[in-house]
N, C-alpha and C. Protein backbone atom coordinates (compact mmCIF):
# COMPACT_ATOMS: atom_id res chain seq x y z
N MET A 1 0.85 -1.18 0.00
CA MET A 1 0.00 0.00 0.00
C MET A 1 0.89 1.24 0.00
N THR A 2 0.78 2.04 -1.00
CA THR A 2 1.58 3.25 -1.06
C THR A 2 0.76 4.45 -0.59
N MET A 3 1.45 5.36 0.06
CA MET A 3 0.80 6.57 0.54
C MET A 3 1.15 7.71 -0.40
N ASP A 4 0.26 8.64 -0.51
CA ASP A 4 0.58 9.77 -1.37
C ASP A 4 1.47 10.76 -0.61
N VAL A 5 2.15 11.56 -1.38
CA VAL A 5 3.14 12.48 -0.83
C VAL A 5 2.49 13.49 0.12
N LYS A 6 1.29 13.92 -0.21
CA LYS A 6 0.60 14.89 0.62
C LYS A 6 0.32 14.34 2.01
N LYS A 7 -0.12 13.08 2.07
CA LYS A 7 -0.40 12.45 3.38
C LYS A 7 0.89 12.28 4.16
N ILE A 8 1.95 11.85 3.50
CA ILE A 8 3.24 11.69 4.18
C ILE A 8 3.70 13.03 4.74
N GLY A 9 3.61 14.07 3.93
CA GLY A 9 4.02 15.39 4.37
C GLY A 9 3.21 15.88 5.55
N MET A 10 1.90 15.65 5.52
CA MET A 10 1.04 16.11 6.62
C MET A 10 1.33 15.35 7.91
N VAL A 11 1.52 14.05 7.81
CA VAL A 11 1.81 13.25 9.01
C VAL A 11 3.15 13.69 9.61
N MET A 12 4.15 13.85 8.77
CA MET A 12 5.47 14.24 9.28
C MET A 12 5.47 15.66 9.82
N LEU A 13 4.79 16.57 9.14
CA LEU A 13 4.71 17.95 9.61
C LEU A 13 3.99 18.02 10.95
N ARG A 14 2.91 17.28 11.08
CA ARG A 14 2.16 17.25 12.35
C ARG A 14 3.05 16.71 13.47
N ALA A 15 3.75 15.62 13.22
CA ALA A 15 4.62 15.03 14.24
C ALA A 15 5.75 16.00 14.62
N LEU A 16 6.31 16.68 13.63
CA LEU A 16 7.39 17.63 13.89
C LEU A 16 6.89 18.84 14.68
N ILE A 17 5.71 19.34 14.35
CA ILE A 17 5.15 20.48 15.07
C ILE A 17 4.84 20.10 16.52
N ILE A 18 4.27 18.93 16.72
CA ILE A 18 3.97 18.49 18.08
C ILE A 18 5.26 18.31 18.87
N SER A 19 6.31 17.79 18.24
CA SER A 19 7.61 17.66 18.91
C SER A 19 8.16 19.03 19.29
N ALA A 20 8.02 20.00 18.41
CA ALA A 20 8.52 21.35 18.67
C ALA A 20 7.74 22.02 19.80
N VAL A 21 6.43 21.86 19.79
CA VAL A 21 5.61 22.44 20.86
C VAL A 21 5.95 21.78 22.19
N PHE A 22 6.11 20.46 22.18
CA PHE A 22 6.51 19.74 23.39
C PHE A 22 7.85 20.27 23.90
N THR A 23 8.80 20.46 22.99
CA THR A 23 10.12 20.97 23.36
C THR A 23 10.01 22.35 23.99
N CYS A 24 9.26 23.24 23.37
CA CYS A 24 9.11 24.61 23.90
C CYS A 24 8.50 24.59 25.29
N ALA A 25 7.45 23.82 25.47
CA ALA A 25 6.80 23.74 26.78
C ALA A 25 7.74 23.14 27.83
N ALA A 26 8.44 22.08 27.46
CA ALA A 26 9.34 21.43 28.42
C ALA A 26 10.53 22.33 28.76
N ILE A 27 11.07 23.05 27.79
CA ILE A 27 12.17 23.98 28.06
C ILE A 27 11.71 25.10 28.99
N ALA A 28 10.49 25.60 28.78
CA ALA A 28 9.96 26.64 29.65
C ALA A 28 9.81 26.13 31.09
N ILE A 29 9.32 24.92 31.24
CA ILE A 29 9.18 24.33 32.57
C ILE A 29 10.56 24.10 33.19
N LEU A 30 11.50 23.59 32.39
CA LEU A 30 12.86 23.39 32.89
C LEU A 30 13.49 24.71 33.33
N ALA A 31 13.29 25.76 32.55
CA ALA A 31 13.85 27.07 32.91
C ALA A 31 13.27 27.56 34.23
N LEU A 32 11.99 27.38 34.42
CA LEU A 32 11.35 27.81 35.66
C LEU A 32 11.87 27.01 36.85
N ILE A 33 11.96 25.71 36.69
CA ILE A 33 12.47 24.86 37.77
C ILE A 33 13.94 25.18 38.05
N ALA A 34 14.72 25.36 36.99
CA ALA A 34 16.15 25.67 37.16
C ALA A 34 16.34 27.00 37.87
N TRP A 35 15.51 27.97 37.55
CA TRP A 35 15.60 29.28 38.21
C TRP A 35 15.19 29.17 39.67
N PHE A 36 14.11 28.44 39.92
CA PHE A 36 13.59 28.31 41.28
C PHE A 36 14.56 27.56 42.19
N PHE A 37 15.14 26.48 41.68
CA PHE A 37 16.05 25.65 42.49
C PHE A 37 17.52 25.95 42.25
N ARG A 38 17.82 26.93 41.41
CA ARG A 38 19.20 27.35 41.12
C ARG A 38 20.07 26.18 40.64
N PHE A 39 19.59 25.54 39.57
CA PHE A 39 20.33 24.41 39.00
C PHE A 39 21.67 24.86 38.43
N SER A 40 22.63 23.96 38.47
CA SER A 40 23.92 24.20 37.83
C SER A 40 23.77 23.96 36.33
N ASP A 41 24.77 24.40 35.57
CA ASP A 41 24.74 24.20 34.12
C ASP A 41 24.68 22.72 33.75
N GLY A 42 25.35 21.89 34.52
CA GLY A 42 25.35 20.45 34.24
C GLY A 42 23.95 19.86 34.34
N LYS A 43 23.21 20.25 35.37
CA LYS A 43 21.85 19.73 35.54
C LYS A 43 20.94 20.25 34.43
N ILE A 44 21.13 21.47 34.03
CA ILE A 44 20.33 22.03 32.93
C ILE A 44 20.63 21.28 31.63
N ASN A 45 21.90 20.99 31.37
CA ASN A 45 22.27 20.24 30.16
C ASN A 45 21.64 18.85 30.15
N VAL A 46 21.63 18.18 31.30
CA VAL A 46 20.99 16.87 31.39
C VAL A 46 19.49 17.00 31.10
N GLY A 47 18.87 18.04 31.62
CA GLY A 47 17.46 18.28 31.36
C GLY A 47 17.18 18.49 29.88
N VAL A 48 18.04 19.24 29.21
CA VAL A 48 17.86 19.49 27.78
C VAL A 48 17.99 18.18 26.99
N VAL A 49 18.94 17.34 27.35
CA VAL A 49 19.10 16.05 26.66
C VAL A 49 17.85 15.19 26.87
N ILE A 50 17.34 15.16 28.09
CA ILE A 50 16.12 14.38 28.37
C ILE A 50 14.95 14.92 27.56
N ILE A 51 14.85 16.24 27.45
CA ILE A 51 13.78 16.85 26.66
C ILE A 51 13.92 16.48 25.19
N ASN A 52 15.13 16.51 24.65
CA ASN A 52 15.34 16.12 23.24
C ASN A 52 14.96 14.66 23.01
N ILE A 53 15.32 13.79 23.93
CA ILE A 53 14.97 12.38 23.82
C ILE A 53 13.45 12.22 23.81
N ALA A 54 12.80 12.87 24.77
CA ALA A 54 11.34 12.74 24.89
C ALA A 54 10.64 13.32 23.66
N ALA A 55 11.11 14.46 23.16
CA ALA A 55 10.47 15.10 22.01
C ALA A 55 10.60 14.22 20.76
N CYS A 56 11.76 13.65 20.54
CA CYS A 56 11.95 12.78 19.37
C CYS A 56 11.18 11.48 19.54
N LEU A 57 11.09 10.98 20.75
CA LEU A 57 10.31 9.77 21.02
C LEU A 57 8.84 10.01 20.70
N VAL A 58 8.30 11.14 21.16
CA VAL A 58 6.91 11.49 20.88
C VAL A 58 6.70 11.69 19.38
N GLY A 59 7.60 12.42 18.74
CA GLY A 59 7.48 12.65 17.30
C GLY A 59 7.57 11.37 16.50
N GLY A 60 8.52 10.51 16.87
CA GLY A 60 8.66 9.22 16.19
C GLY A 60 7.43 8.35 16.39
N LEU A 61 6.87 8.39 17.58
CA LEU A 61 5.66 7.63 17.88
C LEU A 61 4.50 8.10 16.99
N LEU A 62 4.34 9.42 16.87
CA LEU A 62 3.28 9.97 16.03
C LEU A 62 3.53 9.66 14.54
N ALA A 63 4.77 9.76 14.12
CA ALA A 63 5.10 9.45 12.73
C ALA A 63 4.82 7.98 12.43
N GLY A 64 5.22 7.11 13.35
CA GLY A 64 4.98 5.68 13.17
C GLY A 64 3.51 5.33 13.12
N LYS A 65 2.74 5.93 14.02
CA LYS A 65 1.29 5.68 14.04
C LYS A 65 0.64 6.18 12.75
N GLY A 66 1.11 7.30 12.24
CA GLY A 66 0.52 7.87 11.04
C GLY A 66 0.88 7.11 9.78
N MET A 67 2.05 6.50 9.74
CA MET A 67 2.52 5.84 8.52
C MET A 67 2.13 4.38 8.42
N LYS A 68 2.10 3.67 9.52
CA LYS A 68 1.68 2.28 9.60
C LYS A 68 2.63 1.26 8.96
N GLU A 69 3.50 1.67 8.05
CA GLU A 69 4.47 0.76 7.43
C GLU A 69 5.86 1.32 7.65
N LYS A 70 6.82 0.44 7.89
CA LYS A 70 8.21 0.85 8.11
C LYS A 70 8.28 1.98 9.13
N LYS A 71 7.63 1.77 10.27
CA LYS A 71 7.51 2.80 11.29
C LYS A 71 8.86 3.27 11.80
N TYR A 72 9.79 2.33 11.96
CA TYR A 72 11.13 2.70 12.44
C TYR A 72 11.80 3.71 11.52
N LEU A 73 11.59 3.54 10.20
CA LEU A 73 12.19 4.44 9.22
C LEU A 73 11.59 5.84 9.32
N TRP A 74 10.28 5.93 9.49
CA TRP A 74 9.64 7.24 9.62
C TRP A 74 10.01 7.91 10.92
N GLY A 75 10.19 7.12 11.98
CA GLY A 75 10.68 7.68 13.24
C GLY A 75 12.10 8.21 13.09
N LEU A 76 12.93 7.49 12.36
CA LEU A 76 14.30 7.92 12.09
C LEU A 76 14.31 9.22 11.29
N ILE A 77 13.45 9.30 10.28
CA ILE A 77 13.36 10.52 9.47
C ILE A 77 12.88 11.68 10.33
N LEU A 78 11.92 11.43 11.22
CA LEU A 78 11.44 12.48 12.11
C LEU A 78 12.58 12.98 13.00
N GLY A 79 13.38 12.05 13.53
CA GLY A 79 14.53 12.43 14.35
C GLY A 79 15.51 13.29 13.57
N ALA A 80 15.72 12.95 12.30
CA ALA A 80 16.63 13.74 11.46
C ALA A 80 16.06 15.14 11.21
N LEU A 81 14.77 15.22 10.94
CA LEU A 81 14.13 16.52 10.73
C LEU A 81 14.19 17.38 12.00
N TYR A 82 13.96 16.75 13.13
CA TYR A 82 14.02 17.45 14.42
C TYR A 82 15.44 18.01 14.65
N PHE A 83 16.45 17.20 14.32
CA PHE A 83 17.82 17.67 14.46
C PHE A 83 18.09 18.85 13.54
N VAL A 84 17.60 18.79 12.31
CA VAL A 84 17.81 19.90 11.37
C VAL A 84 17.21 21.18 11.94
N VAL A 85 16.01 21.09 12.50
CA VAL A 85 15.40 22.27 13.12
C VAL A 85 16.26 22.78 14.27
N LEU A 86 16.72 21.88 15.13
CA LEU A 86 17.61 22.28 16.24
C LEU A 86 18.88 22.93 15.73
N PHE A 87 19.46 22.34 14.69
CA PHE A 87 20.70 22.85 14.12
C PHE A 87 20.52 24.27 13.58
N VAL A 88 19.45 24.47 12.83
CA VAL A 88 19.19 25.79 12.25
C VAL A 88 18.97 26.83 13.36
N ILE A 89 18.20 26.47 14.36
CA ILE A 89 17.94 27.40 15.46
C ILE A 89 19.22 27.69 16.24
N SER A 90 20.01 26.67 16.54
CA SER A 90 21.24 26.90 17.29
C SER A 90 22.25 27.70 16.48
N PHE A 91 22.29 27.49 15.17
CA PHE A 91 23.20 28.25 14.33
C PHE A 91 22.76 29.71 14.24
N ALA A 92 21.45 29.93 14.25
CA ALA A 92 20.93 31.29 14.19
C ALA A 92 21.27 32.08 15.46
N PHE A 93 21.29 31.39 16.60
CA PHE A 93 21.54 32.07 17.87
C PHE A 93 23.01 32.04 18.28
N ALA A 94 23.82 31.18 17.67
CA ALA A 94 25.25 31.12 17.96
C ALA A 94 26.02 31.01 16.64
N PRO A 95 25.95 32.04 15.79
CA PRO A 95 26.56 31.93 14.45
C PRO A 95 28.07 31.84 14.46
N GLU A 96 28.72 32.26 15.52
CA GLU A 96 30.17 32.20 15.52
C GLU A 96 30.71 30.83 15.91
N GLY A 97 29.85 29.83 15.91
CA GLY A 97 30.29 28.46 16.15
C GLY A 97 30.53 28.16 17.61
N GLY A 98 29.61 28.58 18.47
CA GLY A 98 29.76 28.39 19.90
C GLY A 98 29.54 26.96 20.37
N VAL A 99 29.07 26.08 19.49
CA VAL A 99 28.80 24.70 19.85
C VAL A 99 29.81 23.79 19.15
N SER A 100 30.33 22.81 19.89
CA SER A 100 31.36 21.93 19.33
C SER A 100 30.74 20.88 18.41
N ILE A 101 31.56 20.34 17.54
CA ILE A 101 31.12 19.32 16.60
C ILE A 101 30.72 18.04 17.34
N THR A 102 31.41 17.72 18.43
CA THR A 102 31.04 16.53 19.20
C THR A 102 29.66 16.68 19.82
N SER A 103 29.30 17.89 20.19
CA SER A 103 27.97 18.13 20.72
C SER A 103 26.92 17.89 19.64
N TYR A 104 27.20 18.34 18.42
CA TYR A 104 26.28 18.10 17.30
C TYR A 104 26.16 16.61 16.99
N ILE A 105 27.26 15.90 17.02
CA ILE A 105 27.23 14.46 16.73
C ILE A 105 26.42 13.73 17.79
N THR A 106 26.65 14.06 19.05
CA THR A 106 25.90 13.45 20.14
C THR A 106 24.41 13.73 19.98
N THR A 107 24.08 14.98 19.67
CA THR A 107 22.68 15.37 19.53
C THR A 107 22.00 14.65 18.37
N ILE A 108 22.69 14.53 17.23
CA ILE A 108 22.06 13.85 16.09
C ILE A 108 21.86 12.36 16.40
N LEU A 109 22.79 11.75 17.08
CA LEU A 109 22.62 10.34 17.44
C LEU A 109 21.45 10.15 18.40
N ILE A 110 21.31 11.07 19.35
CA ILE A 110 20.19 11.02 20.29
C ILE A 110 18.87 11.19 19.54
N CYS A 111 18.82 12.17 18.65
CA CYS A 111 17.59 12.44 17.89
C CYS A 111 17.21 11.25 16.99
N LEU A 112 18.19 10.71 16.28
CA LEU A 112 17.92 9.58 15.38
C LEU A 112 17.49 8.35 16.16
N GLY A 113 18.20 8.05 17.24
CA GLY A 113 17.89 6.86 18.03
C GLY A 113 16.54 6.94 18.71
N SER A 114 16.25 8.05 19.36
CA SER A 114 14.97 8.14 20.06
C SER A 114 13.81 8.29 19.07
N GLY A 115 14.01 8.95 17.94
CA GLY A 115 12.97 9.01 16.92
C GLY A 115 12.66 7.63 16.37
N MET A 116 13.70 6.85 16.09
CA MET A 116 13.51 5.51 15.57
C MET A 116 12.81 4.62 16.61
N LEU A 117 13.19 4.74 17.87
CA LEU A 117 12.54 3.96 18.93
C LEU A 117 11.06 4.33 19.03
N GLY A 118 10.78 5.63 18.96
CA GLY A 118 9.39 6.07 18.98
C GLY A 118 8.61 5.51 17.81
N GLY A 119 9.22 5.49 16.64
CA GLY A 119 8.57 4.89 15.48
C GLY A 119 8.28 3.43 15.65
N MET A 120 9.20 2.70 16.25
CA MET A 120 8.99 1.27 16.48
C MET A 120 7.87 1.03 17.49
N ILE A 121 7.78 1.89 18.49
CA ILE A 121 6.71 1.76 19.49
C ILE A 121 5.36 2.10 18.87
N GLY A 122 5.38 3.14 18.01
CA GLY A 122 4.12 3.62 17.38
C GLY A 122 3.61 2.61 16.47
């Protein structure tokens, strides 16, 4: 059973938007908690990684549920799209290269892995 391009685009766009909204809400909550409890940078970084994992997991789950075939692949693609959005936003706010290449590699592996896992679950 083949899906048309429009349906694929809508399912992936919906999953990506929900992942982005989830990320924004979770970052806002993390910022509030970090401010209230005076978290160190290390704890904030761990929180951001957990949020990225959860957002890609949710997005992959939605992509997998929407596609019904090769769910792991659609979850992986969602993770890649999520990373691209993160990369563009981080580059826009730190254009002089304030983030290391190892950080980008770690982040893309996290996004791809959790997106694919979400797709398999979905």
